[in-house]
C-alpha atoms as a PDB file:
ATOM      1  CA  MET A   1      -0.285  -0.168   0.157  1.00  0.00           C
ATOM      2  CA  ILE A   2       1.421   3.288  -1.137  1.00  0.00           C
ATOM      3  CA  ARG A   3       1.231   5.890   1.951  1.00  0.00           C
ATOM      4  CA  LYS A   4      -0.439   9.085   0.868  1.00  0.00           C
ATOM      5  CA  ILE A   5       1.969  12.105   1.685  1.00  0.00           C
ATOM      6  CA  LEU A   6       0.982  15.588   2.455  1.00  0.00           C
ATOM      7  CA  VAL A   7       3.320  17.857   1.037  1.00  0.00           C
ATOM      8  CA  ILE A   8       2.683  21.939   1.376  1.00  0.00           C
ATOM      9  CA  LYS A   9       3.332  23.386  -2.134  1.00  0.00           C
ATOM     10  CA  MET A  10       6.778  25.213  -1.514  1.00  0.00           C
ATOM     11  CA  THR A  11       8.923  27.904  -2.482  1.00  0.00           C
ATOM     12  CA  THR A  12      12.765  26.890  -3.606  1.00  0.00           C
ATOM     13  CA  GLY A  13      13.587  27.969   0.014  1.00  0.00           C
ATOM     14  CA  GLU A  14      11.631  26.014   1.851  1.00  0.00           C
ATOM     15  CA  ARG A  15      12.747  22.542  -0.184  1.00  0.00           C
ATOM     16  CA  ILE A  16      15.757  23.509   0.494  1.00  0.00           C
ATOM     17  CA  LYS A  17      15.340  23.567   4.268  1.00  0.00           C
ATOM     18  CA  MET A  18      12.965  20.266   3.881  1.00  0.00           C
ATOM     19  CA  LEU A  19      15.644  18.143   2.143  1.00  0.00           C
ATOM     20  CA  ARG A  20      18.672  19.836   4.841  1.00  0.00           C
ATOM     21  CA  LYS A  21      16.899  18.434   7.367  1.00  0.00           C
ATOM     22  CA  GLU A  22      15.802  15.354   5.982  1.00  0.00           C
ATOM     23  CA  HIS A  23      19.806  14.458   5.491  1.00  0.00           C
ATOM     24  CA  ASN A  24      20.255  16.117   9.011  1.00  0.00           C
ATOM     25  CA  LEU A  25      22.161  19.023   7.636  1.00  0.00           C
ATOM     26  CA  THR A  26      22.871  22.288   9.447  1.00  0.00           C
ATOM     27  CA  GLN A  27      22.691  25.149   7.857  1.00  0.00           C
ATOM     28  CA  GLU A  28      26.435  25.431   8.187  1.00  0.00           C
ATOM     29  CA  GLU A  29      27.497  21.767   7.225  1.00  0.00           C
ATOM     30  CA  LEU A  30      25.355  22.222   3.922  1.00  0.00           C
ATOM     31  CA  GLY A  31      27.074  25.883   3.371  1.00  0.00           C
ATOM     32  CA  ALA A  32      30.255  24.004   3.679  1.00  0.00           C
ATOM     33  CA  LYS A  33      29.430  21.511   1.397  1.00  0.00           C
ATOM     34  CA  ILE A  34      28.677  24.131  -1.696  1.00  0.00           C
ATOM     35  CA  GLY A  35      31.430  26.340  -0.483  1.00  0.00           C
ATOM     36  CA  VAL A  36      29.528  29.017   1.150  1.00  0.00           C
ATOM     37  CA  GLN A  37      28.898  30.511   4.346  1.00  0.00           C
ATOM     38  CA  LYS A  38      25.659  29.527   6.332  1.00  0.00           C
ATOM     39  CA  ALA A  39      24.703  33.455   5.880  1.00  0.00           C
ATOM     40  CA  ALA A  40      23.941  32.593   2.232  1.00  0.00           C
ATOM     41  CA  ILE A  41      22.015  29.273   2.992  1.00  0.00           C
ATOM     42  CA  GLN A  42      19.980  31.238   5.617  1.00  0.00           C
ATOM     43  CA  LYS A  43      19.347  33.630   2.769  1.00  0.00           C
ATOM     44  CA  TYR A  44      18.262  31.154   0.295  1.00  0.00           C
ATOM     45  CA  GLU A  45      15.837  29.251   2.796  1.00  0.00           C
ATOM     46  CA  LYS A  46      14.533  32.667   3.846  1.00  0.00           C
ATOM     47  CA  GLY A  47      14.240  33.523   0.047  1.00  0.00           C
ATOM     48  CA  THR A  48      15.577  36.654   0.454  1.00  0.00           C
ATOM     49  CA  VAL A  49      18.141  35.398  -2.385  1.00  0.00           C
ATOM     50  CA  LYS A  50      15.767  34.835  -5.560  1.00  0.00           C
ATOM     51  CA  ASN A  51      18.129  34.006  -8.409  1.00  0.00           C
ATOM     52  CA  ILE A  52      20.665  31.389  -6.554  1.00  0.00           C
ATOM     53  CA  LYS A  53      23.501  31.095  -8.844  1.00  0.00           C
ATOM     54  CA  ARG A  54      23.874  28.305 -11.347  1.00  0.00           C
ATOM     55  CA  ASP A  55      26.738  26.355  -9.861  1.00  0.00           C
ATOM     56  CA  SER A  56      25.327  26.924  -6.291  1.00  0.00           C
ATOM     57  CA  LEU A  57      22.155  25.429  -7.208  1.00  0.00           C
ATOM     58  CA  ILE A  58      23.675  22.467  -9.138  1.00  0.00           C
ATOM     59  CA  LYS A  59      26.021  21.908  -5.784  1.00  0.00           C
ATOM     60  CA  LEU A  60      22.478  22.397  -3.313  1.00  0.00           C
ATOM     61  CA  ALA A  61      21.123  19.574  -5.874  1.00  0.00           C
ATOM     62  CA  GLN A  62      23.874  17.063  -5.394  1.00  0.00           C
ATOM     63  CA  CYS A  63      24.523  17.481  -1.607  1.00  0.00           C
ATOM     64  CA  LEU A  64      20.358  17.064  -0.929  1.00  0.00           C
ATOM     65  CA  ASP A  65      20.097  14.231  -3.697  1.00  0.00           C
ATOM     66  CA  THR A  66      17.678  16.101  -5.822  1.00  0.00           C
ATOM     67  CA  SER A  67      17.566  17.688  -8.905  1.00  0.00           C
ATOM     68  CA  PRO A  68      17.860  21.870  -9.746  1.00  0.00           C
ATOM     69  CA  GLU A  69      14.442  21.430 -11.381  1.00  0.00           C
ATOM     70  CA  TYR A  70      12.955  20.128  -8.122  1.00  0.00           C
ATOM     71  CA  LEU A  71      14.451  23.233  -6.009  1.00  0.00           C
ATOM     72  CA  LEU A  72      13.059  25.451  -8.513  1.00  0.00           C
ATOM     73  CA  GLY A  73       9.860  23.611  -8.738  1.00  0.00           C
ATOM     74  CA  TRP A  74       9.797  23.194 -12.201  1.00  0.00           C
ATOM     75  CA  GLU A  75      10.084  19.234 -11.714  1.00  0.00           C
ATOM     76  CA  ASP A  76       6.341  17.394 -11.292  1.00  0.00           C
ATOM     77  CA  MET A  77       5.505  16.118  -7.830  1.00  0.00           C
ATOM     78  CA  PRO A  78       5.523  12.313  -7.633  1.00  0.00           C
ATOM     79  CA  ASN A  79       2.457  10.220  -7.760  1.00  0.00           C
ATOM     80  CA  ASN A  80       2.011   9.704  -4.184  1.00  0.00           C
ATOM     81  CA  VAL A  81       2.232  13.146  -3.111  1.00  0.00           C
ATOM     82  CA  GLU A  82      -0.923  15.650  -3.013  1.00  0.00           C
ATOM     83  CA  VAL A  83      -0.492  19.473  -3.285  1.00  0.00           C
ATOM     84  CA  ALA A  84      -1.603  22.235  -0.747  1.00  0.00           C
ATOM     85  CA  ASP A  85      -1.673  25.634  -0.869  1.00  0.00           C
ATOM     86  CA  THR A  86       1.203  27.212   1.006  1.00  0.00           C
ATOM     87  CA  SER A  87      -1.584  30.427   1.655  1.00  0.00           C
ATOM     88  CA  ASN A  88      -2.623  29.674   5.008  1.00  0.00           C
ATOM     89  CA  TYR A  89       0.913  29.186   6.305  1.00  0.00           C
ATOM     90  CA  VAL A  90       3.222  31.530   7.634  1.00  0.00           C
ATOM     91  CA  ASN A  91       6.708  31.421   8.730  1.00  0.00           C
ATOM     92  CA  ILE A  92       7.364  32.079  12.666  1.00  0.00           C
ATOM     93  CA  PRO A  93      11.141  32.631  13.573  1.00  0.00           C
ATOM     94  CA  ILE A  94      12.458  30.236  16.355  1.00  0.00           C
ATOM     95  CA  ILE A  95      14.715  32.216  18.468  1.00  0.00           C
ATOM     96  CA  GLY A  96      17.357  31.289  20.473  1.00  0.00           C
ATOM     97  CA  ARG A  97      16.696  33.119  23.109  1.00  0.00           C
ATOM     98  CA  VAL A  98      14.255  35.082  25.241  1.00  0.00           C
ATOM     99  CA  ALA A  99      15.165  38.631  26.208  1.00  0.00           C
ATOM    100  CA  ALA A 100      13.485  41.926  27.164  1.00  0.00           C
ATOM    101  CA  GLY A 101      12.483  44.047  24.729  1.00  0.00           C
ATOM    102  CA  LEU A 102      12.519  43.821  20.971  1.00  0.00           C
ATOM    103  CA  SER A 103      16.227  41.962  21.567  1.00  0.00           C
ATOM    104  CA  CYS A 104      15.418  38.573  21.005  1.00  0.00           C
ATOM    105  CA  PHE A 105      13.596  39.408  17.203  1.00  0.00           C
ATOM    106  CA  ALA A 106      17.111  40.367  15.877  1.00  0.00           C
ATOM    107  CA  GLU A 107      18.231  38.404  13.372  1.00  0.00           C
ATOM    108  CA  THR A 108      21.298  37.398  15.240  1.00  0.00           C
ATOM    109  CA  ASN A 109      19.034  35.700  17.985  1.00  0.00           C
ATOM    110  CA  ILE A 110      16.955  33.995  15.148  1.00  0.00           C
ATOM    111  CA  THR A 111      17.942  30.258  14.398  1.00  0.00           C
ATOM    112  CA  ASP A 112      15.376  29.198  11.901  1.00  0.00           C
ATOM    113  CA  TYR A 113      11.559  29.739  10.566  1.00  0.00           C
ATOM    114  CA  GLU A 114       8.813  27.094  11.223  1.00  0.00           C
ATOM    115  CA  PRO A 115       5.297  26.996   9.299  1.00  0.00           C
ATOM    116  CA  VAL A 116       2.134  27.549  11.096  1.00  0.00           C
ATOM    117  CA  SER A 117      -1.324  28.269  10.107  1.00  0.00           C
ATOM    118  CA  LYS A 118      -2.715  31.741  10.318  1.00  0.00           C
ATOM    119  CA  ASN A 119      -5.263  30.547  12.343  1.00  0.00           C
ATOM    120  CA  ASP A 120      -3.112  29.840  15.212  1.00  0.00           C
ATOM    121  CA  VAL A 121      -1.693  33.047  14.858  1.00  0.00           C
ATOM    122  CA  ARG A 122      -4.352  35.801  15.301  1.00  0.00           C
ATOM    123  CA  GLY A 123      -4.041  39.106  16.588  1.00  0.00           C
ATOM    124  CA  ASP A 124      -1.958  42.082  16.493  1.00  0.00           C
ATOM    125  CA  GLU A 125       1.164  40.588  19.323  1.00  0.00           C
ATOM    126  CA  PRO A 126       3.867  39.043  17.690  1.00  0.00           C
ATOM    127  CA  PHE A 127       4.717  34.905  17.850  1.00  0.00           C
ATOM    128  CA  VAL A 128       7.676  33.258  18.400  1.00  0.00           C
ATOM    129  CA  PHE A 129       8.967  29.633  18.593  1.00  0.00           C
ATOM    130  CA  LEU A 130      11.122  29.093  21.547  1.00  0.00           C
ATOM    131  CA  ARG A 131      12.685  25.574  22.105  1.00  0.00           C
ATOM    132  CA  VAL A 132      12.642  23.806  25.742  1.00  0.00           C
ATOM    133  CA  VAL A 133      15.653  23.194  27.517  1.00  0.00           C
ATOM    134  CA  GLY A 134      15.374  20.892  30.423  1.00  0.00           C
ATOM    135  CA  ASP A 135      13.398  18.322  31.948  1.00  0.00           C
ATOM    136  CA  SER A 136      11.194  20.415  34.855  1.00  0.00           C
ATOM    137  CA  MET A 137       7.997  20.914  32.475  1.00  0.00           C
ATOM    138  CA  TYR A 138       8.543  16.690  31.630  1.00  0.00           C
ATOM    139  CA  PRO A 139       6.498  15.222  30.986  1.00  0.00           C
ATOM    140  CA  LEU A 140       3.780  17.761  28.858  1.00  0.00           C
ATOM    141  CA  PHE A 141       7.318  19.553  27.721  1.00  0.00           C
ATOM    142  CA  MET A 142       9.816  18.025  26.228  1.00  0.00           C
ATOM    143  CA  GLU A 143      13.687  18.737  25.932  1.00  0.00           C
ATOM    144  CA  GLY A 144      14.405  20.084  22.069  1.00  0.00           C
ATOM    145  CA  ASP A 145       9.884  20.031  21.710  1.00  0.00           C
ATOM    146  CA  LEU A 146       9.228  23.786  20.032  1.00  0.00           C
ATOM    147  CA  VAL A 147       6.563  26.282  21.974  1.00  0.00           C
ATOM    148  CA  LEU A 148       4.922  28.409  19.887  1.00  0.00           C
ATOM    149  CA  VAL A 149       4.351  31.499  22.470  1.00  0.00           C
ATOM    150  CA  ARG A 150       2.391  34.553  21.762  1.00  0.00           C
ATOM    151  CA  CYS A 151       4.051  37.439  23.213  1.00  0.00           C
ATOM    152  CA  GLN A 152       2.144  39.289  25.975  1.00  0.00           C
ATOM    153  CA  SER A 153       3.608  40.772  28.893  1.00  0.00           C
ATOM    154  CA  SER A 154       0.724  39.467  31.319  1.00  0.00           C
ATOM    155  CA  VAL A 155      -1.249  36.087  31.498  1.00  0.00           C
ATOM    156  CA  ASP A 156      -3.760  34.649  33.244  1.00  0.00           C
ATOM    157  CA  SER A 157      -2.835  32.561  36.686  1.00  0.00           C
ATOM    158  CA  GLY A 158      -2.864  29.167  35.840  1.00  0.00           C
ATOM    159  CA  SER A 159      -1.218  29.471  32.536  1.00  0.00           C
ATOM    160  CA  TYR A 160       1.725  28.050  30.771  1.00  0.00           C
ATOM    161  CA  ALA A 161       4.515  30.885  30.446  1.00  0.00           C
ATOM    162  CA  VAL A 162       7.804  32.077  29.126  1.00  0.00           C
ATOM    163  CA  VAL A 163       8.641  33.931  31.765  1.00  0.00           C
ATOM    164  CA  MET A 164      12.454  35.699  32.742  1.00  0.00           C
ATOM    165  CA  ILE A 165      13.699  35.809  36.370  1.00  0.00           C
ATOM    166  CA  ASP A 166      15.841  38.451  37.079  1.00  0.00           C
ATOM    167  CA  GLU A 167      16.313  39.510  33.323  1.00  0.00           C
ATOM    168  CA  GLU A 168      17.920  35.627  32.521  1.00  0.00           C
ATOM    169  CA  ASP A 169      17.075  33.881  29.724  1.00  0.00           C
ATOM    170  CA  GLY A 170      13.079  32.870  29.626  1.00  0.00           C
ATOM    171  CA  VAL A 171      11.810  29.314  30.781  1.00  0.00           C
ATOM    172  CA  VAL A 172       8.748  27.438  30.517  1.00  0.00           C
ATOM    173  CA  LYS A 173       6.474  27.328  33.565  1.00  0.00           C
ATOM    174  CA  LYS A 174       3.048  27.140  34.643  1.00  0.00           C
ATOM    175  CA  ILE A 175       2.659  30.915  36.663  1.00  0.00           C
ATOM    176  CA  VAL A 176       0.267  30.939  39.744  1.00  0.00           C
ATOM    177  CA  TYR A 177      -0.896  34.448  41.321  1.00  0.00           C
ATOM    178  CA  GLY A 178      -1.780  34.960  44.958  1.00  0.00           C
ATOM    179  CA  PRO A 179      -2.598  38.445  46.876  1.00  0.00           C
ATOM    180  CA  ASP A 180       0.812  39.243  47.158  1.00  0.00           C
ATOM    181  CA  PHE A 181       3.420  36.298  45.730  1.00  0.00           C
ATOM    182  CA  ILE A 182       3.939  34.379  42.414  1.00  0.00           C
ATOM    183  CA  GLU A 183       4.384  31.095  42.102  1.00  0.00           C
ATOM    184  CA  LEU A 184       6.319  29.360  39.184  1.00  0.00           C
ATOM    185  CA  HIS A 185       5.286  26.041  39.074  1.00  0.00           C
ATOM    186  CA  SER A 186       6.859  22.713  36.924  1.00  0.00           C
ATOM    187  CA  ILE A 187       5.500  19.426  36.456  1.00  0.00           C
ATOM    188  CA  ASN A 188       8.281  17.150  37.011  1.00  0.00           C
ATOM    189  CA  PRO A 189       7.867  16.772  41.095  1.00  0.00           C
ATOM    190  CA  MET A 190      11.810  16.770  41.149  1.00  0.00           C
ATOM    191  CA  TYR A 191      11.492  20.465  40.880  1.00  0.00           C
ATOM    192  CA  PRO A 192       9.972  22.492  43.901  1.00  0.00           C
ATOM    193  CA  VAL A 193       7.830  25.762  43.303  1.00  0.00           C
ATOM    194  CA  ARG A 194       9.392  29.070  43.586  1.00  0.00           C
ATOM    195  CA  ARG A 195       7.517  31.408  45.515  1.00  0.00           C
ATOM    196  CA  PHE A 196       8.317  35.132  44.994  1.00  0.00           C
ATOM    197  CA  GLU A 197       6.485  37.653  47.654  1.00  0.00           C
ATOM    198  CA  ASN A 198       6.095  41.277  48.205  1.00  0.00           C
ATOM    199  CA  GLU A 199       8.968  43.151  46.449  1.00  0.00           C
ATOM    200  CA  ASP A 200      10.296  39.922  45.193  1.00  0.00           C
ATOM    201  CA  VAL A 201       7.777  39.817  42.691  1.00  0.00           C
ATOM    202  CA  THR A 202       9.242  42.624  40.225  1.00  0.00           C
ATOM    203  CA  ARG A 203      11.831  40.218  39.621  1.00  0.00           C
ATOM    204  CA  ILE A 204       9.376  38.062  37.534  1.00  0.00           C
ATOM    205  CA  ARG A 205       8.174  39.143  33.849  1.00  0.00           C
ATOM    206  CA  VAL A 206       6.262  37.336  31.574  1.00  0.00           C
ATOM    207  CA  PHE A 207       7.718  37.236  28.282  1.00  0.00           C
ATOM    208  CA  GLY A 208       4.419  35.371  26.255  1.00  0.00           C
ATOM    209  CA  LEU A 209       1.863  32.630  26.588  1.00  0.00           C
ATOM    210  CA  VAL A 210       2.356  29.542  25.249  1.00  0.00           C
ATOM    211  CA  ARG A 211      -0.264  28.427  22.711  1.00  0.00           C
ATOM    212  CA  GLU A 212       1.363  25.154  21.541  1.00  0.00           C
ATOM    213  CA  ILE A 213       3.457  22.566  21.804  1.00  0.00           C
ATOM    214  CA  LYS A 214       5.279  21.188  18.475  1.00  0.00           C
ATOM    215  CA  ARG A 215       7.074  17.978  19.058  1.00  0.00           C
ATOM    216  CA  LYS A 216       9.468  16.059  16.042  1.00  0.00           C
ATOM    217  CA  PHE A 217      10.334  12.273  15.707  1.00  0.00           C
END
């Protein structure tokens, strides 16, 4: 039985990114194979380079076990592939770290992009993906998971949020408010509740609300 695969109708950059990941290559490793810098691969995948040089395109195709025609979208899709429209998708940045203000959106802090449905990122607030590190929120959040975060400065009590303590890098926690305290709860019982009372509550800054978890196998 042939398994039907749903594939989004992709741009050249999205095809390069997809095949690079299938070959377990980083942007730096792929760049080294074809003789360009990591920054060039980033530009190819983002689509900021509209016309990739012929030699580079051929080398890309060879490294990714495909053809230049496929990368450019000229080659017909296989029979077991169903094409979907990309107009309902938008690329959300994956940021390397959470920081106060807008510095986290700097190009140097964006490690990649992940497509999501436009219906999942409605509203005026910006969205980012953040990669989970550690096991304090296991088993709901696992190390390596991507969490889709709506950037906002406050959330309801009981929400899962990305918060900063003393302006350090953000962490995912369940946040609970009291009359004069804020508690940060982990799911893993090995990690105790962190409670901040009175003036110490000012040490906590909410970066955003966790809206979705993406896990890849």
